[in-house]
PDB file of N, CA and C in Angstrom:
ATOM      1  N   MET A   1       0.811  -1.198   0.000  1.00  0.00           N
ATOM      2  CA  MET A   1       0.000   0.000   0.000  1.00  0.00           C
ATOM      3  C   MET A   1       0.855   1.263   0.000  1.00  0.00           C
ATOM      4  N   ASN A   2       2.152   1.120  -0.186  1.00  0.00           N
ATOM      5  CA  ASN A   2       3.025   2.291  -0.235  1.00  0.00           C
ATOM      6  C   ASN A   2       2.835   3.016  -1.561  1.00  0.00           C
ATOM      7  N   SER A   3       2.842   4.324  -1.490  1.00  0.00           N
ATOM      8  CA  SER A   3       2.714   5.115  -2.711  1.00  0.00           C
ATOM      9  C   SER A   3       4.048   5.108  -3.457  1.00  0.00           C
ATOM     10  N   LEU A   4       4.003   5.586  -4.678  1.00  0.00           N
ATOM     11  CA  LEU A   4       5.206   5.614  -5.507  1.00  0.00           C
ATOM     12  C   LEU A   4       6.272   6.497  -4.887  1.00  0.00           C
ATOM     13  N   SER A   5       5.871   7.628  -4.336  1.00  0.00           N
ATOM     14  CA  SER A   5       6.864   8.539  -3.757  1.00  0.00           C
ATOM     15  C   SER A   5       7.550   7.914  -2.541  1.00  0.00           C
ATOM     16  N   VAL A   6       6.814   7.126  -1.755  1.00  0.00           N
ATOM     17  CA  VAL A   6       7.422   6.458  -0.600  1.00  0.00           C
ATOM     18  C   VAL A   6       8.409   5.403  -1.070  1.00  0.00           C
ATOM     19  N   ARG A   7       8.048   4.657  -2.099  1.00  0.00           N
ATOM     20  CA  ARG A   7       8.957   3.626  -2.606  1.00  0.00           C
ATOM     21  C   ARG A   7      10.224   4.234  -3.200  1.00  0.00           C
ATOM     22  N   VAL A   8      10.069   5.352  -3.927  1.00  0.00           N
ATOM     23  CA  VAL A   8      11.246   6.013  -4.505  1.00  0.00           C
ATOM     24  C   VAL A   8      12.137   6.562  -3.399  1.00  0.00           C
ATOM     25  N   ALA A   9      11.543   7.153  -2.376  1.00  0.00           N
ATOM     26  CA  ALA A   9      12.328   7.695  -1.264  1.00  0.00           C
ATOM     27  C   ALA A   9      13.056   6.579  -0.521  1.00  0.00           C
ATOM     28  N   ARG A  10      12.378   5.475  -0.301  1.00  0.00           N
ATOM     29  CA  ARG A  10      13.004   4.349   0.400  1.00  0.00           C
ATOM     30  C   ARG A  10      14.149   3.764  -0.419  1.00  0.00           C
ATOM     31  N   SER A  11      13.937   3.632  -1.723  1.00  0.00           N
ATOM     32  CA  SER A  11      14.992   3.107  -2.590  1.00  0.00           C
ATOM     33  C   SER A  11      16.179   4.065  -2.642  1.00  0.00           C
ATOM     34  N   SER A  12      15.896   5.373  -2.677  1.00  0.00           N
ATOM     35  CA  SER A  12      16.976   6.361  -2.698  1.00  0.00           C
ATOM     36  C   SER A  12      17.780   6.336  -1.409  1.00  0.00           C
ATOM     37  N   ALA A  13      17.121   6.067  -0.296  1.00  0.00           N
ATOM     38  CA  ALA A  13      17.826   5.994   0.982  1.00  0.00           C
ATOM     39  C   ALA A  13      18.676   4.735   1.071  1.00  0.00           C
ATOM     40  N   ARG A  14      18.182   3.636   0.523  1.00  0.00           N
ATOM     41  CA  ARG A  14      18.940   2.381   0.577  1.00  0.00           C
ATOM     42  C   ARG A  14      20.122   2.394  -0.385  1.00  0.00           C
ATOM     43  N   TYR A  15      19.934   2.948  -1.561  1.00  0.00           N
ATOM     44  CA  TYR A  15      20.956   2.944  -2.599  1.00  0.00           C
ATOM     45  C   TYR A  15      21.229   4.378  -3.052  1.00  0.00           C
ATOM     46  N   PRO A  16      21.979   5.144  -2.264  1.00  0.00           N
ATOM     47  CA  PRO A  16      22.156   6.566  -2.596  1.00  0.00           C
ATOM     48  C   PRO A  16      22.908   6.802  -3.907  1.00  0.00           C
ATOM     49  N   TRP A  17      23.869   5.942  -4.242  1.00  0.00           N
ATOM     50  CA  TRP A  17      24.627   6.172  -5.478  1.00  0.00           C
ATOM     51  C   TRP A  17      23.773   5.929  -6.704  1.00  0.00           C
ATOM     52  N   ARG A  18      22.841   5.020  -6.611  1.00  0.00           N
ATOM     53  CA  ARG A  18      21.915   4.824  -7.723  1.00  0.00           C
ATOM     54  C   ARG A  18      21.055   6.077  -7.920  1.00  0.00           C
ATOM     55  N   ALA A  19      20.659   6.659  -6.806  1.00  0.00           N
ATOM     56  CA  ALA A  19      19.827   7.863  -6.889  1.00  0.00           C
ATOM     57  C   ALA A  19      20.628   9.039  -7.432  1.00  0.00           C
ATOM     58  N   ILE A  20      21.860   9.169  -6.974  1.00  0.00           N
ATOM     59  CA  ILE A  20      22.698  10.284  -7.430  1.00  0.00           C
ATOM     60  C   ILE A  20      22.972  10.175  -8.923  1.00  0.00           C
ATOM     61  N   LEU A  21      23.208   8.982  -9.425  1.00  0.00           N
ATOM     62  CA  LEU A  21      23.446   8.799 -10.849  1.00  0.00           C
ATOM     63  C   LEU A  21      22.147   8.730 -11.643  1.00  0.00           C
ATOM     64  N   GLY A  22      21.083   8.285 -11.009  1.00  0.00           N
ATOM     65  CA  GLY A  22      19.805   8.111 -11.712  1.00  0.00           C
ATOM     66  C   GLY A  22      19.109   9.412 -12.040  1.00  0.00           C
ATOM     67  N   TRP A  23      19.154  10.373 -11.120  1.00  0.00           N
ATOM     68  CA  TRP A  23      18.434  11.627 -11.359  1.00  0.00           C
ATOM     69  C   TRP A  23      18.994  12.414 -12.534  1.00  0.00           C
ATOM     70  N   PRO A  24      20.299  12.578 -12.676  1.00  0.00           N
ATOM     71  CA  PRO A  24      20.795  13.264 -13.888  1.00  0.00           C
ATOM     72  C   PRO A  24      20.438  12.518 -15.177  1.00  0.00           C
ATOM     73  N   LEU A  25      20.448  11.180 -15.126  1.00  0.00           N
ATOM     74  CA  LEU A  25      20.038  10.415 -16.303  1.00  0.00           C
ATOM     75  C   LEU A  25      18.562  10.641 -16.615  1.00  0.00           C
ATOM     76  N   PHE A  26      17.748  10.712 -15.580  1.00  0.00           N
ATOM     77  CA  PHE A  26      16.322  10.974 -15.758  1.00  0.00           C
ATOM     78  C   PHE A  26      16.094  12.360 -16.359  1.00  0.00           C
ATOM     79  N   VAL A  27      16.818  13.352 -15.877  1.00  0.00           N
ATOM     80  CA  VAL A  27      16.702  14.714 -16.412  1.00  0.00           C
ATOM     81  C   VAL A  27      17.148  14.750 -17.867  1.00  0.00           C
ATOM     82  N   ALA A  28      18.238  14.073 -18.187  1.00  0.00           N
ATOM     83  CA  ALA A  28      18.712  14.025 -19.572  1.00  0.00           C
ATOM     84  C   ALA A  28      17.692  13.338 -20.470  1.00  0.00           C
ATOM     85  N   LEU A  29      17.077  12.285 -19.977  1.00  0.00           N
ATOM     86  CA  LEU A  29      16.040  11.589 -20.732  1.00  0.00           C
ATOM     87  C   LEU A  29      14.848  12.513 -20.988  1.00  0.00           C
ATOM     88  N   CYS A  30      14.435  13.262 -19.985  1.00  0.00           N
ATOM     89  CA  CYS A  30      13.317  14.190 -20.146  1.00  0.00           C
ATOM     90  C   CYS A  30      13.654  15.308 -21.136  1.00  0.00           C
ATOM     91  N   LEU A  31      14.877  15.839 -21.076  1.00  0.00           N
ATOM     92  CA  LEU A  31      15.284  16.870 -22.018  1.00  0.00           C
ATOM     93  C   LEU A  31      15.329  16.329 -23.439  1.00  0.00           C
ATOM     94  N   GLY A  32      15.834  15.124 -23.586  1.00  0.00           N
ATOM     95  CA  GLY A  32      15.876  14.509 -24.917  1.00  0.00           C
ATOM     96  C   GLY A  32      14.481  14.264 -25.462  1.00  0.00           C
ATOM     97  N   ALA A  33      13.579  13.775 -24.623  1.00  0.00           N
ATOM     98  CA  ALA A  33      12.200  13.538 -25.064  1.00  0.00           C
ATOM     99  C   ALA A  33      11.520  14.845 -25.431  1.00  0.00           C
ATOM    100  N   GLY A  34      11.807  15.901 -24.675  1.00  0.00           N
ATOM    101  CA  GLY A  34      11.208  17.194 -24.974  1.00  0.00           C
ATOM    102  C   GLY A  34      11.693  17.766 -26.291  1.00  0.00           C
ATOM    103  N   SER A  35      12.943  17.556 -26.612  1.00  0.00           N
ATOM    104  CA  SER A  35      13.459  18.073 -27.874  1.00  0.00           C
ATOM    105  C   SER A  35      12.980  17.239 -29.060  1.00  0.00           C
ATOM    106  N   VAL A  36      12.706  15.959 -28.840  1.00  0.00           N
ATOM    107  CA  VAL A  36      12.200  15.107 -29.917  1.00  0.00           C
ATOM    108  C   VAL A  36      10.746  15.442 -30.232  1.00  0.00           C
ATOM    109  N   VAL A  37       9.984  15.771 -29.210  1.00  0.00           N
ATOM    110  CA  VAL A  37       8.566  16.062 -29.407  1.00  0.00           C
ATOM    111  C   VAL A  37       8.390  17.273 -30.316  1.00  0.00           C
ATOM    112  N   GLY A  38       9.228  18.262 -30.170  1.00  0.00           N
ATOM    113  CA  GLY A  38       9.160  19.414 -31.048  1.00  0.00           C
ATOM    114  C   GLY A  38       8.796  20.677 -30.300  1.00  0.00           C
ATOM    115  N   ARG A  39       8.674  21.724 -31.061  1.00  0.00           N
ATOM    116  CA  ARG A  39       8.394  23.035 -30.484  1.00  0.00           C
ATOM    117  C   ARG A  39       7.153  23.614 -31.129  1.00  0.00           C
ATOM    118  N   ASN A  40       6.437  24.385 -30.350  1.00  0.00           N
ATOM    119  CA  ASN A  40       5.266  25.093 -30.840  1.00  0.00           C
ATOM    120  C   ASN A  40       5.474  26.562 -30.502  1.00  0.00           C
ATOM    121  N   SER A  41       5.989  27.314 -31.444  1.00  0.00           N
ATOM    122  CA  SER A  41       6.289  28.715 -31.194  1.00  0.00           C
ATOM    123  C   SER A  41       5.005  29.534 -31.173  1.00  0.00           C
ATOM    124  N   ALA A  42       4.978  30.496 -30.279  1.00  0.00           N
ATOM    125  CA  ALA A  42       3.809  31.364 -30.175  1.00  0.00           C
ATOM    126  C   ALA A  42       3.833  32.383 -31.302  1.00  0.00           C
ATOM    127  N   ARG A  43       2.648  32.688 -31.803  1.00  0.00           N
ATOM    128  CA  ARG A  43       2.504  33.713 -32.827  1.00  0.00           C
ATOM    129  C   ARG A  43       2.003  34.987 -32.168  1.00  0.00           C
ATOM    130  N   THR A  44       1.996  36.054 -32.909  1.00  0.00           N
ATOM    131  CA  THR A  44       1.521  37.329 -32.380  1.00  0.00           C
ATOM    132  C   THR A  44       0.063  37.224 -31.961  1.00  0.00           C
ATOM    133  N   ALA A  45      -0.724  36.495 -32.718  1.00  0.00           N
ATOM    134  CA  ALA A  45      -2.145  36.354 -32.391  1.00  0.00           C
ATOM    135  C   ALA A  45      -2.358  35.613 -31.077  1.00  0.00           C
ATOM    136  N   ASP A  46      -1.404  34.794 -30.663  1.00  0.00           N
ATOM    137  CA  ASP A  46      -1.539  34.053 -29.410  1.00  0.00           C
ATOM    138  C   ASP A  46      -1.463  34.965 -28.198  1.00  0.00           C
ATOM    139  N   TYR A  47      -0.831  36.118 -28.347  1.00  0.00           N
ATOM    140  CA  TYR A  47      -0.703  37.044 -27.233  1.00  0.00           C
ATOM    141  C   TYR A  47      -1.913  37.958 -27.103  1.00  0.00           C
ATOM    142  N   ARG A  48      -2.745  37.981 -28.104  1.00  0.00           N
ATOM    143  CA  ARG A  48      -3.911  38.865 -28.099  1.00  0.00           C
ATOM    144  C   ARG A  48      -5.083  38.154 -27.446  1.00  0.00           C
ATOM    145  N   VAL A  49      -5.138  38.252 -26.137  1.00  0.00           N
ATOM    146  CA  VAL A  49      -6.161  37.574 -25.359  1.00  0.00           C
ATOM    147  C   VAL A  49      -6.959  38.612 -24.585  1.00  0.00           C
ATOM    148  N   GLY A  50      -8.262  38.447 -24.521  1.00  0.00           N
ATOM    149  CA  GLY A  50      -9.104  39.327 -23.724  1.00  0.00           C
ATOM    150  C   GLY A  50      -9.361  40.662 -24.402  1.00  0.00           C
ATOM    151  N   GLU A  51      -9.860  41.593 -23.611  1.00  0.00           N
ATOM    152  CA  GLU A  51     -10.219  42.905 -24.144  1.00  0.00           C
ATOM    153  C   GLU A  51      -8.983  43.694 -24.590  1.00  0.00           C
ATOM    154  N   ALA A  52      -7.898  43.595 -23.842  1.00  0.00           N
ATOM    155  CA  ALA A  52      -6.674  44.292 -24.233  1.00  0.00           C
ATOM    156  C   ALA A  52      -6.146  43.734 -25.555  1.00  0.00           C
ATOM    157  N   GLY A  53      -6.235  42.430 -25.727  1.00  0.00           N
ATOM    158  CA  GLY A  53      -5.804  41.814 -26.970  1.00  0.00           C
ATOM    159  C   GLY A  53      -6.679  42.227 -28.143  1.00  0.00           C
ATOM    160  N   LEU A  54      -7.994  42.331 -27.891  1.00  0.00           N
ATOM    161  CA  LEU A  54      -8.903  42.780 -28.934  1.00  0.00           C
ATOM    162  C   LEU A  54      -8.588  44.215 -29.341  1.00  0.00           C
ATOM    163  N   ALA A  55      -8.321  45.059 -28.356  1.00  0.00           N
ATOM    164  CA  ALA A  55      -7.969  46.447 -28.653  1.00  0.00           C
ATOM    165  C   ALA A  55      -6.667  46.524 -29.442  1.00  0.00           C
ATOM    166  N   GLU A  56      -5.702  45.706 -29.091  1.00  0.00           N
ATOM    167  CA  GLU A  56      -4.431  45.705 -29.820  1.00  0.00           C
ATOM    168  C   GLU A  56      -4.621  45.215 -31.247  1.00  0.00           C
ATOM    169  N   ALA A  57      -5.460  44.192 -31.426  1.00  0.00           N
ATOM    170  CA  ALA A  57      -5.723  43.680 -32.772  1.00  0.00           C
ATOM    171  C   ALA A  57      -6.423  44.728 -33.625  1.00  0.00           C
ATOM    172  N   LEU A  58      -7.395  45.433 -33.048  1.00  0.00           N
ATOM    173  CA  LEU A  58      -8.086  46.483 -33.793  1.00  0.00           C
ATOM    174  C   LEU A  58      -7.130  47.607 -34.161  1.00  0.00           C
ATOM    175  N   ALA A  59      -6.256  47.973 -33.233  1.00  0.00           N
ATOM    176  CA  ALA A  59      -5.284  49.033 -33.515  1.00  0.00           C
ATOM    177  C   ALA A  59      -4.300  48.602 -34.594  1.00  0.00           C
ATOM    178  N   ALA A  60      -3.893  47.350 -34.573  1.00  0.00           N
ATOM    179  CA  ALA A  60      -2.947  46.859 -35.575  1.00  0.00           C
ATOM    180  C   ALA A  60      -3.589  46.785 -36.959  1.00  0.00           C
ATOM    181  N   GLU A  61      -4.861  46.378 -36.994  1.00  0.00           N
ATOM    182  CA  GLU A  61      -5.542  46.271 -38.281  1.00  0.00           C
ATOM    183  C   GLU A  61      -5.822  47.632 -38.894  1.00  0.00           C
ATOM    184  N   SER A  62      -6.041  48.634 -38.069  1.00  0.00           N
ATOM    185  CA  SER A  62      -6.341  49.966 -38.595  1.00  0.00           C
ATOM    186  C   SER A  62      -5.072  50.798 -38.786  1.00  0.00           C
ATOM    187  N   LEU A  63      -3.925  50.188 -38.564  1.00  0.00           N
ATOM    188  CA  LEU A  63      -2.612  50.811 -38.763  1.00  0.00           C
ATOM    189  C   LEU A  63      -2.434  52.075 -37.933  1.00  0.00           C
ATOM    190  N   LEU A  64      -2.915  52.049 -36.719  1.00  0.00           N
ATOM    191  CA  LEU A  64      -2.719  53.178 -35.818  1.00  0.00           C
ATOM    192  C   LEU A  64      -1.279  53.189 -35.331  1.00  0.00           C
ATOM    193  N   ASP A  65      -0.706  54.358 -35.259  1.00  0.00           N
ATOM    194  CA  ASP A  65       0.669  54.491 -34.780  1.00  0.00           C
ATOM    195  C   ASP A  65       0.678  54.437 -33.264  1.00  0.00           C
ATOM    196  N   ARG A  66       1.700  53.829 -32.758  1.00  0.00           N
ATOM    197  CA  ARG A  66       1.907  53.821 -31.312  1.00  0.00           C
ATOM    198  C   ARG A  66       2.894  54.925 -30.988  1.00  0.00           C
ATOM    199  N   ARG A  67       2.373  56.051 -30.654  1.00  0.00           N
ATOM    200  CA  ARG A  67       3.233  57.170 -30.316  1.00  0.00           C
ATOM    201  C   ARG A  67       3.556  57.121 -28.836  1.00  0.00           C
ATOM    202  N   SER A  68       4.792  57.406 -28.526  1.00  0.00           N
ATOM    203  CA  SER A  68       5.163  57.425 -27.121  1.00  0.00           C
ATOM    204  C   SER A  68       4.582  58.675 -26.476  1.00  0.00           C
ATOM    205  N   THR A  69       4.106  58.514 -25.289  1.00  0.00           N
ATOM    206  CA  THR A  69       3.502  59.638 -24.576  1.00  0.00           C
ATOM    207  C   THR A  69       4.195  59.798 -23.236  1.00  0.00           C
ATOM    208  N   GLU A  70       4.129  60.995 -22.760  1.00  0.00           N
ATOM    209  CA  GLU A  70       4.695  61.280 -21.452  1.00  0.00           C
ATOM    210  C   GLU A  70       3.616  61.964 -20.632  1.00  0.00           C
ATOM    211  N   GLN A  71       3.476  61.508 -19.424  1.00  0.00           N
ATOM    212  CA  GLN A  71       2.480  62.094 -18.538  1.00  0.00           C
ATOM    213  C   GLN A  71       3.184  62.622 -17.302  1.00  0.00           C
ATOM    214  N   ALA A  72       2.762  63.786 -16.870  1.00  0.00           N
ATOM    215  CA  ALA A  72       3.352  64.398 -15.686  1.00  0.00           C
ATOM    216  C   ALA A  72       2.228  64.779 -14.738  1.00  0.00           C
ATOM    217  N   LEU A  73       2.416  64.531 -13.474  1.00  0.00           N
ATOM    218  CA  LEU A  73       1.448  64.887 -12.448  1.00  0.00           C
ATOM    219  C   LEU A  73       2.056  66.011 -11.628  1.00  0.00           C
ATOM    220  N   ILE A  74       1.415  67.148 -11.676  1.00  0.00           N
ATOM    221  CA  ILE A  74       1.885  68.306 -10.921  1.00  0.00           C
ATOM    222  C   ILE A  74       0.881  68.552  -9.807  1.00  0.00           C
ATOM    223  N   SER A  75       1.374  68.557  -8.607  1.00  0.00           N
ATOM    224  CA  SER A  75       0.462  68.784  -7.480  1.00  0.00           C
ATOM    225  C   SER A  75       1.095  69.791  -6.527  1.00  0.00           C
ATOM    226  N   ARG A  76       0.262  70.391  -5.772  1.00  0.00           N
ATOM    227  CA  ARG A  76       0.690  71.392  -4.813  1.00  0.00           C
ATOM    228  C   ARG A  76       1.117  70.706  -3.530  1.00  0.00           C
ATOM    229  N   ARG A  77       2.129  71.234  -2.880  1.00  0.00           N
ATOM    230  CA  ARG A  77       2.552  70.672  -1.595  1.00  0.00           C
ATOM    231  C   ARG A  77       1.492  70.959  -0.545  1.00  0.00           C
ATOM    232  N   PRO A  78       1.271  69.993   0.321  1.00  0.00           N
ATOM    233  CA  PRO A  78       0.275  70.252   1.378  1.00  0.00           C
ATOM    234  C   PRO A  78       0.742  71.355   2.303  1.00  0.00           C
ATOM    235  N   LEU A  79      -0.203  72.133   2.791  1.00  0.00           N
ATOM    236  CA  LEU A  79       0.119  73.241   3.689  1.00  0.00           C
ATOM    237  C   LEU A  79       0.313  72.791   5.118  1.00  0.00           C
TER     238      LEU A  79
END
């Protein structure tokens, strides 16, 4: 009735050198499998989510310029 994590922990405690050598091999295996599976690069449309994304898409389609703006807040010192 031991869970997988308990069995792995017990095995790692009994055979520490197997665990020390096994984990880097496991990580290398995972990295290799990840590179074999492939990549799915995000497109510009993937970033346009929600209302802000809709506004950006509308602005891009209408060729609106993104002009840099500067805002300054001038306030009086409290008396």
